[in-house]
Amino acid sequence: MTSTDAPLSPEQLAKRWGVSPRHVRGMIARGELKAFKLGAKIWRIAAVEVARVEALIGNPEPPATGDADASIDVARQARRLK
């Protein structure tokens, strides 16, 4: 991702990382992932922030379908960022 890429929704980022949208929103709530609001309820994560977090946790690729262990590992790594 580059800084000129469009911001991602929590759902888009969750799919990219192989985690749930709820997990991404939790990262935002805990301050582990910087995001901004569009209006009252719509969250977006800037491409530069996605790149920052991916650099810290080793640029995870989405896990293969059904690979729950990989999703859990990405989630654990993301929690360590704080």
PDB file of N, CA and C in Angstrom:
ATOM      1  N   MET A   1       0.840  -1.189   0.000  1.00  0.00           N
ATOM      2  CA  MET A   1       0.000   0.000   0.000  1.00  0.00           C
ATOM      3  C   MET A   1       0.875   1.238   0.000  1.00  0.00           C
ATOM      4  N   THR A   2       0.397   2.255  -0.686  1.00  0.00           N
ATOM      5  CA  THR A   2       1.106   3.526  -0.673  1.00  0.00           C
ATOM      6  C   THR A   2       0.216   4.575  -0.034  1.00  0.00           C
ATOM      7  N   SER A   3       0.824   5.696   0.306  1.00  0.00           N
ATOM      8  CA  SER A   3       0.066   6.746   0.978  1.00  0.00           C
ATOM      9  C   SER A   3      -1.008   7.350   0.080  1.00  0.00           C
ATOM     10  N   THR A   4      -0.947   7.107  -1.226  1.00  0.00           N
ATOM     11  CA  THR A   4      -1.960   7.636  -2.136  1.00  0.00           C
ATOM     12  C   THR A   4      -3.132   6.683  -2.336  1.00  0.00           C
ATOM     13  N   ASP A   5      -3.051   5.479  -1.789  1.00  0.00           N
ATOM     14  CA  ASP A   5      -4.160   4.533  -1.886  1.00  0.00           C
ATOM     15  C   ASP A   5      -5.343   5.035  -1.062  1.00  0.00           C
ATOM     16  N   ALA A   6      -6.531   4.623  -1.467  1.00  0.00           N
ATOM     17  CA  ALA A   6      -7.746   5.022  -0.760  1.00  0.00           C
ATOM     18  C   ALA A   6      -7.776   4.408   0.634  1.00  0.00           C
ATOM     19  N   PRO A   7      -8.356   5.122   1.596  1.00  0.00           N
ATOM     20  CA  PRO A   7      -8.499   4.557   2.939  1.00  0.00           C
ATOM     21  C   PRO A   7      -9.371   3.305   2.902  1.00  0.00           C
ATOM     22  N   LEU A   8      -9.161   2.432   3.872  1.00  0.00           N
ATOM     23  CA  LEU A   8      -9.912   1.180   3.950  1.00  0.00           C
ATOM     24  C   LEU A   8     -10.954   1.250   5.052  1.00  0.00           C
ATOM     25  N   SER A   9     -12.047   0.547   4.846  1.00  0.00           N
ATOM     26  CA  SER A   9     -13.047   0.384   5.900  1.00  0.00           C
ATOM     27  C   SER A   9     -12.563  -0.724   6.832  1.00  0.00           C
ATOM     28  N   PRO A  10     -13.108  -0.810   8.038  1.00  0.00           N
ATOM     29  CA  PRO A  10     -12.744  -1.926   8.912  1.00  0.00           C
ATOM     30  C   PRO A  10     -13.009  -3.284   8.259  1.00  0.00           C
ATOM     31  N   GLU A  11     -14.067  -3.382   7.470  1.00  0.00           N
ATOM     32  CA  GLU A  11     -14.386  -4.642   6.796  1.00  0.00           C
ATOM     33  C   GLU A  11     -13.334  -4.991   5.744  1.00  0.00           C
ATOM     34  N   GLN A  12     -12.905  -3.999   4.989  1.00  0.00           N
ATOM     35  CA  GLN A  12     -11.874  -4.240   3.972  1.00  0.00           C
ATOM     36  C   GLN A  12     -10.547  -4.643   4.610  1.00  0.00           C
ATOM     37  N   LEU A  13     -10.170  -3.953   5.676  1.00  0.00           N
ATOM     38  CA  LEU A  13      -8.912  -4.268   6.349  1.00  0.00           C
ATOM     39  C   LEU A  13      -8.986  -5.637   7.011  1.00  0.00           C
ATOM     40  N   ALA A  14     -10.131  -5.974   7.577  1.00  0.00           N
ATOM     41  CA  ALA A  14     -10.305  -7.294   8.190  1.00  0.00           C
ATOM     42  C   ALA A  14     -10.101  -8.394   7.154  1.00  0.00           C
ATOM     43  N   LYS A  15     -10.659  -8.208   5.983  1.00  0.00           N
ATOM     44  CA  LYS A  15     -10.485  -9.200   4.919  1.00  0.00           C
ATOM     45  C   LYS A  15      -9.016  -9.295   4.514  1.00  0.00           C
ATOM     46  N   ARG A  16      -8.352  -8.172   4.400  1.00  0.00           N
ATOM     47  CA  ARG A  16      -6.931  -8.140   4.022  1.00  0.00           C
ATOM     48  C   ARG A  16      -6.074  -8.886   5.036  1.00  0.00           C
ATOM     49  N   TRP A  17      -6.366  -8.693   6.324  1.00  0.00           N
ATOM     50  CA  TRP A  17      -5.570  -9.293   7.394  1.00  0.00           C
ATOM     51  C   TRP A  17      -6.072 -10.666   7.822  1.00  0.00           C
ATOM     52  N   GLY A  18      -7.239 -11.069   7.375  1.00  0.00           N
ATOM     53  CA  GLY A  18      -7.769 -12.367   7.763  1.00  0.00           C
ATOM     54  C   GLY A  18      -8.285 -12.399   9.189  1.00  0.00           C
ATOM     55  N   VAL A  19      -8.817 -11.267   9.636  1.00  0.00           N
ATOM     56  CA  VAL A  19      -9.406 -11.177  10.970  1.00  0.00           C
ATOM     57  C   VAL A  19     -10.839 -10.677  10.810  1.00  0.00           C
ATOM     58  N   SER A  20     -11.556 -10.558  11.905  1.00  0.00           N
ATOM     59  CA  SER A  20     -12.934 -10.085  11.824  1.00  0.00           C
ATOM     60  C   SER A  20     -12.981  -8.556  11.828  1.00  0.00           C
ATOM     61  N   PRO A  21     -14.039  -7.980  11.241  1.00  0.00           N
ATOM     62  CA  PRO A  21     -14.214  -6.532  11.328  1.00  0.00           C
ATOM     63  C   PRO A  21     -14.298  -6.067  12.783  1.00  0.00           C
ATOM     64  N   ARG A  22     -14.864  -6.889  13.631  1.00  0.00           N
ATOM     65  CA  ARG A  22     -14.953  -6.551  15.057  1.00  0.00           C
ATOM     66  C   ARG A  22     -13.554  -6.401  15.660  1.00  0.00           C
ATOM     67  N   HIS A  23     -12.633  -7.271  15.254  1.00  0.00           N
ATOM     68  CA  HIS A  23     -11.264  -7.175  15.761  1.00  0.00           C
ATOM     69  C   HIS A  23     -10.617  -5.854  15.323  1.00  0.00           C
ATOM     70  N   VAL A  24     -10.818  -5.477  14.066  1.00  0.00           N
ATOM     71  CA  VAL A  24     -10.257  -4.216  13.570  1.00  0.00           C
ATOM     72  C   VAL A  24     -10.851  -3.049  14.349  1.00  0.00           C
ATOM     73  N   ARG A  25     -12.164  -3.056  14.559  1.00  0.00           N
ATOM     74  CA  ARG A  25     -12.791  -1.978  15.336  1.00  0.00           C
ATOM     75  C   ARG A  25     -12.272  -1.962  16.771  1.00  0.00           C
ATOM     76  N   GLY A  26     -11.996  -3.130  17.331  1.00  0.00           N
ATOM     77  CA  GLY A  26     -11.413  -3.202  18.671  1.00  0.00           C
ATOM     78  C   GLY A  26     -10.025  -2.593  18.711  1.00  0.00           C
ATOM     79  N   MET A  27      -9.226  -2.845  17.678  1.00  0.00           N
ATOM     80  CA  MET A  27      -7.890  -2.243  17.596  1.00  0.00           C
ATOM     81  C   MET A  27      -7.996  -0.721  17.558  1.00  0.00           C
ATOM     82  N   ILE A  28      -8.990  -0.219  16.836  1.00  0.00           N
ATOM     83  CA  ILE A  28      -9.211   1.227  16.772  1.00  0.00           C
ATOM     84  C   ILE A  28      -9.591   1.745  18.156  1.00  0.00           C
ATOM     85  N   ALA A  29     -10.514   1.072  18.817  1.00  0.00           N
ATOM     86  CA  ALA A  29     -10.979   1.495  20.140  1.00  0.00           C
ATOM     87  C   ALA A  29      -9.856   1.486  21.174  1.00  0.00           C
ATOM     88  N   ARG A  30      -8.939   0.514  21.055  1.00  0.00           N
ATOM     89  CA  ARG A  30      -7.816   0.420  22.007  1.00  0.00           C
ATOM     90  C   ARG A  30      -6.657   1.342  21.652  1.00  0.00           C
ATOM     91  N   GLY A  31      -6.748   2.030  20.530  1.00  0.00           N
ATOM     92  CA  GLY A  31      -5.680   2.929  20.113  1.00  0.00           C
ATOM     93  C   GLY A  31      -4.518   2.228  19.433  1.00  0.00           C
ATOM     94  N   GLU A  32      -4.688   0.976  19.052  1.00  0.00           N
ATOM     95  CA  GLU A  32      -3.631   0.219  18.386  1.00  0.00           C
ATOM     96  C   GLU A  32      -3.580   0.519  16.891  1.00  0.00           C
ATOM     97  N   LEU A  33      -4.655   1.061  16.375  1.00  0.00           N
ATOM     98  CA  LEU A  33      -4.777   1.357  14.953  1.00  0.00           C
ATOM     99  C   LEU A  33      -5.444   2.725  14.835  1.00  0.00           C
ATOM    100  N   LYS A  34      -4.762   3.657  14.173  1.00  0.00           N
ATOM    101  CA  LYS A  34      -5.324   4.999  14.007  1.00  0.00           C
ATOM    102  C   LYS A  34      -6.342   4.983  12.877  1.00  0.00           C
ATOM    103  N   ALA A  35      -7.469   5.632  13.121  1.00  0.00           N
ATOM    104  CA  ALA A  35      -8.535   5.698  12.125  1.00  0.00           C
ATOM    105  C   ALA A  35      -9.230   7.046  12.246  1.00  0.00           C
ATOM    106  N   PHE A  36     -10.027   7.362  11.255  1.00  0.00           N
ATOM    107  CA  PHE A  36     -10.786   8.603  11.295  1.00  0.00           C
ATOM    108  C   PHE A  36     -12.227   8.310  10.911  1.00  0.00           C
ATOM    109  N   LYS A  37     -13.112   9.198  11.353  1.00  0.00           N
ATOM    110  CA  LYS A  37     -14.537   9.027  11.090  1.00  0.00           C
ATOM    111  C   LYS A  37     -14.984   9.885   9.916  1.00  0.00           C
ATOM    112  N   LEU A  38     -15.865   9.317   9.131  1.00  0.00           N
ATOM    113  CA  LEU A  38     -16.589  10.052   8.101  1.00  0.00           C
ATOM    114  C   LEU A  38     -18.024  10.116   8.596  1.00  0.00           C
ATOM    115  N   GLY A  39     -18.445  11.263   9.026  1.00  0.00           N
ATOM    116  CA  GLY A  39     -19.771  11.365   9.609  1.00  0.00           C
ATOM    117  C   GLY A  39     -19.782  10.815  11.023  1.00  0.00           C
ATOM    118  N   ALA A  40     -20.937  10.340  11.449  1.00  0.00           N
ATOM    119  CA  ALA A  40     -21.091   9.893  12.831  1.00  0.00           C
ATOM    120  C   ALA A  40     -20.616   8.469  13.082  1.00  0.00           C
ATOM    121  N   LYS A  41     -20.705   7.589  12.083  1.00  0.00           N
ATOM    122  CA  LYS A  41     -20.457   6.172  12.352  1.00  0.00           C
ATOM    123  C   LYS A  41     -19.478   5.480  11.411  1.00  0.00           C
ATOM    124  N   ILE A  42     -19.079   6.100  10.348  1.00  0.00           N
ATOM    125  CA  ILE A  42     -18.260   5.424   9.341  1.00  0.00           C
ATOM    126  C   ILE A  42     -16.778   5.627   9.638  1.00  0.00           C
ATOM    127  N   TRP A  43     -16.065   4.519   9.886  1.00  0.00           N
ATOM    128  CA  TRP A  43     -14.630   4.556  10.162  1.00  0.00           C
ATOM    129  C   TRP A  43     -13.848   4.241   8.896  1.00  0.00           C
ATOM    130  N   ARG A  44     -12.691   4.887   8.758  1.00  0.00           N
ATOM    131  CA  ARG A  44     -11.755   4.597   7.678  1.00  0.00           C
ATOM    132  C   ARG A  44     -10.339   4.595   8.256  1.00  0.00           C
ATOM    133  N   ILE A  45      -9.500   3.741   7.678  1.00  0.00           N
ATOM    134  CA  ILE A  45      -8.107   3.627   8.091  1.00  0.00           C
ATOM    135  C   ILE A  45      -7.256   4.050   6.897  1.00  0.00           C
ATOM    136  N   ALA A  46      -6.405   5.047   7.095  1.00  0.00           N
ATOM    137  CA  ALA A  46      -5.559   5.554   6.018  1.00  0.00           C
ATOM    138  C   ALA A  46      -4.559   4.491   5.577  1.00  0.00           C
ATOM    139  N   ALA A  47      -4.241   4.511   4.289  1.00  0.00           N
ATOM    140  CA  ALA A  47      -3.289   3.543   3.731  1.00  0.00           C
ATOM    141  C   ALA A  47      -1.945   3.618   4.432  1.00  0.00           C
ATOM    142  N   VAL A  48      -1.514   4.814   4.790  1.00  0.00           N
ATOM    143  CA  VAL A  48      -0.223   4.967   5.469  1.00  0.00           C
ATOM    144  C   VAL A  48      -0.253   4.286   6.843  1.00  0.00           C
ATOM    145  N   GLU A  49      -1.400   4.302   7.513  1.00  0.00           N
ATOM    146  CA  GLU A  49      -1.529   3.627   8.810  1.00  0.00           C
ATOM    147  C   GLU A  49      -1.515   2.112   8.634  1.00  0.00           C
ATOM    148  N   VAL A  50      -2.172   1.621   7.602  1.00  0.00           N
ATOM    149  CA  VAL A  50      -2.144   0.183   7.311  1.00  0.00           C
ATOM    150  C   VAL A  50      -0.706  -0.249   7.057  1.00  0.00           C
ATOM    151  N   ALA A  51       0.016   0.524   6.259  1.00  0.00           N
ATOM    152  CA  ALA A  51       1.415   0.199   5.955  1.00  0.00           C
ATOM    153  C   ALA A  51       2.268   0.212   7.218  1.00  0.00           C
ATOM    154  N   ARG A  52       2.024   1.172   8.114  1.00  0.00           N
ATOM    155  CA  ARG A  52       2.788   1.264   9.364  1.00  0.00           C
ATOM    156  C   ARG A  52       2.589   0.012  10.210  1.00  0.00           C
ATOM    157  N   VAL A  53       1.351  -0.387  10.384  1.00  0.00           N
ATOM    158  CA  VAL A  53       1.056  -1.557  11.213  1.00  0.00           C
ATOM    159  C   VAL A  53       1.598  -2.824  10.553  1.00  0.00           C
ATOM    160  N   GLU A  54       1.423  -2.949   9.260  1.00  0.00           N
ATOM    161  CA  GLU A  54       1.931  -4.137   8.569  1.00  0.00           C
ATOM    162  C   GLU A  54       3.453  -4.230   8.662  1.00  0.00           C
ATOM    163  N   ALA A  55       4.133  -3.101   8.631  1.00  0.00           N
ATOM    164  CA  ALA A  55       5.592  -3.115   8.776  1.00  0.00           C
ATOM    165  C   ALA A  55       5.991  -3.594  10.168  1.00  0.00           C
ATOM    166  N   LEU A  56       5.212  -3.216  11.169  1.00  0.00           N
ATOM    167  CA  LEU A  56       5.510  -3.627  12.545  1.00  0.00           C
ATOM    168  C   LEU A  56       5.260  -5.109  12.785  1.00  0.00           C
ATOM    169  N   ILE A  57       4.272  -5.668  12.082  1.00  0.00           N
ATOM    170  CA  ILE A  57       3.946  -7.077  12.324  1.00  0.00           C
ATOM    171  C   ILE A  57       4.364  -7.983  11.176  1.00  0.00           C
ATOM    172  N   GLY A  58       5.163  -7.464  10.278  1.00  0.00           N
ATOM    173  CA  GLY A  58       5.717  -8.319   9.231  1.00  0.00           C
ATOM    174  C   GLY A  58       4.865  -8.455   7.992  1.00  0.00           C
ATOM    175  N   ASN A  59       4.040  -7.432   7.662  1.00  0.00           N
ATOM    176  CA  ASN A  59       3.239  -7.419   6.439  1.00  0.00           C
ATOM    177  C   ASN A  59       2.490  -8.726   6.211  1.00  0.00           C
ATOM    178  N   PRO A  60       1.521  -9.030   7.061  1.00  0.00           N
ATOM    179  CA  PRO A  60       0.802 -10.295   6.928  1.00  0.00           C
ATOM    180  C   PRO A  60      -0.013 -10.367   5.652  1.00  0.00           C
ATOM    181  N   GLU A  61      -0.006 -11.510   5.062  1.00  0.00           N
ATOM    182  CA  GLU A  61      -0.876 -11.788   3.927  1.00  0.00           C
ATOM    183  C   GLU A  61      -2.150 -12.411   4.483  1.00  0.00           C
ATOM    184  N   PRO A  62      -3.276 -12.231   3.818  1.00  0.00           N
ATOM    185  CA  PRO A  62      -4.486 -12.886   4.311  1.00  0.00           C
ATOM    186  C   PRO A  62      -4.282 -14.396   4.364  1.00  0.00           C
ATOM    187  N   PRO A  63      -4.694 -15.027   5.446  1.00  0.00           N
ATOM    188  CA  PRO A  63      -4.523 -16.476   5.545  1.00  0.00           C
ATOM    189  C   PRO A  63      -5.432 -17.206   4.567  1.00  0.00           C
ATOM    190  N   ALA A  64      -5.052 -18.421   4.248  1.00  0.00           N
ATOM    191  CA  ALA A  64      -5.887 -19.256   3.389  1.00  0.00           C
ATOM    192  C   ALA A  64      -7.217 -19.502   4.083  1.00  0.00           C
ATOM    193  N   THR A  65      -8.248 -19.706   3.313  1.00  0.00           N
ATOM    194  CA  THR A  65      -9.566 -19.964   3.875  1.00  0.00           C
ATOM    195  C   THR A  65      -9.504 -21.122   4.858  1.00  0.00           C
ATOM    196  N   GLY A  66     -10.066 -20.909   6.034  1.00  0.00           N
ATOM    197  CA  GLY A  66     -10.091 -21.959   7.043  1.00  0.00           C
ATOM    198  C   GLY A  66      -8.828 -22.033   7.879  1.00  0.00           C
ATOM    199  N   ASP A  67      -7.887 -21.125   7.681  1.00  0.00           N
ATOM    200  CA  ASP A  67      -6.646 -21.153   8.445  1.00  0.00           C
ATOM    201  C   ASP A  67      -6.802 -20.271   9.684  1.00  0.00           C
ATOM    202  N   ALA A  68      -7.510 -20.767  10.666  1.00  0.00           N
ATOM    203  CA  ALA A  68      -7.802 -20.006  11.876  1.00  0.00           C
ATOM    204  C   ALA A  68      -6.545 -19.675  12.657  1.00  0.00           C
ATOM    205  N   ASP A  69      -5.568 -20.574  12.681  1.00  0.00           N
ATOM    206  CA  ASP A  69      -4.336 -20.311  13.424  1.00  0.00           C
ATOM    207  C   ASP A  69      -3.615 -19.081  12.894  1.00  0.00           C
ATOM    208  N   ALA A  70      -3.592 -18.889  11.593  1.00  0.00           N
ATOM    209  CA  ALA A  70      -2.935 -17.724  11.007  1.00  0.00           C
ATOM    210  C   ALA A  70      -3.674 -16.448  11.386  1.00  0.00           C
ATOM    211  N   SER A  71      -5.001 -16.485  11.398  1.00  0.00           N
ATOM    212  CA  SER A  71      -5.782 -15.315  11.790  1.00  0.00           C
ATOM    213  C   SER A  71      -5.514 -14.954  13.237  1.00  0.00           C
ATOM    214  N   ILE A  72      -5.440 -15.936  14.092  1.00  0.00           N
ATOM    215  CA  ILE A  72      -5.169 -15.693  15.508  1.00  0.00           C
ATOM    216  C   ILE A  72      -3.782 -15.101  15.673  1.00  0.00           C
ATOM    217  N   ASP A  73      -2.798 -15.597  14.910  1.00  0.00           N
ATOM    218  CA  ASP A  73      -1.440 -15.082  14.997  1.00  0.00           C
ATOM    219  C   ASP A  73      -1.387 -13.615  14.585  1.00  0.00           C
ATOM    220  N   VAL A  74      -2.074 -13.232  13.520  1.00  0.00           N
ATOM    221  CA  VAL A  74      -2.112 -11.837  13.095  1.00  0.00           C
ATOM    222  C   VAL A  74      -2.729 -10.986  14.193  1.00  0.00           C
ATOM    223  N   ALA A  75      -3.801 -11.467  14.790  1.00  0.00           N
ATOM    224  CA  ALA A  75      -4.456 -10.726  15.858  1.00  0.00           C
ATOM    225  C   ALA A  75      -3.529 -10.549  17.054  1.00  0.00           C
ATOM    226  N   ARG A  76      -2.800 -11.576  17.420  1.00  0.00           N
ATOM    227  CA  ARG A  76      -1.863 -11.474  18.544  1.00  0.00           C
ATOM    228  C   ARG A  76      -0.757 -10.476  18.249  1.00  0.00           C
ATOM    229  N   GLN A  77      -0.218 -10.526  17.047  1.00  0.00           N
ATOM    230  CA  GLN A  77       0.845  -9.594  16.680  1.00  0.00           C
ATOM    231  C   GLN A  77       0.338  -8.164  16.712  1.00  0.00           C
ATOM    232  N   ALA A  78      -0.864  -7.946  16.244  1.00  0.00           N
ATOM    233  CA  ALA A  78      -1.426  -6.603  16.232  1.00  0.00           C
ATOM    234  C   ALA A  78      -1.616  -6.071  17.645  1.00  0.00           C
ATOM    235  N   ARG A  79      -2.008  -6.933  18.578  1.00  0.00           N
ATOM    236  CA  ARG A  79      -2.192  -6.492  19.968  1.00  0.00           C
ATOM    237  C   ARG A  79      -0.871  -6.068  20.596  1.00  0.00           C
ATOM    238  N   ARG A  80       0.233  -6.622  20.146  1.00  0.00           N
ATOM    239  CA  ARG A  80       1.544  -6.284  20.712  1.00  0.00           C
ATOM    240  C   ARG A  80       2.022  -4.908  20.292  1.00  0.00           C
ATOM    241  N   LEU A  81       1.368  -4.283  19.354  1.00  0.00           N
ATOM    242  CA  LEU A  81       1.815  -2.993  18.838  1.00  0.00           C
ATOM    243  C   LEU A  81       1.689  -1.877  19.857  1.00  0.00           C
ATOM    244  N   LYS A  82       0.742  -1.971  20.723  1.00  0.00           N
ATOM    245  CA  LYS A  82       0.449  -0.890  21.653  1.00  0.00           C
ATOM    246  C   LYS A  82       1.539  -0.591  22.608  1.00  0.00           C
TER     247      LYS A  82
END
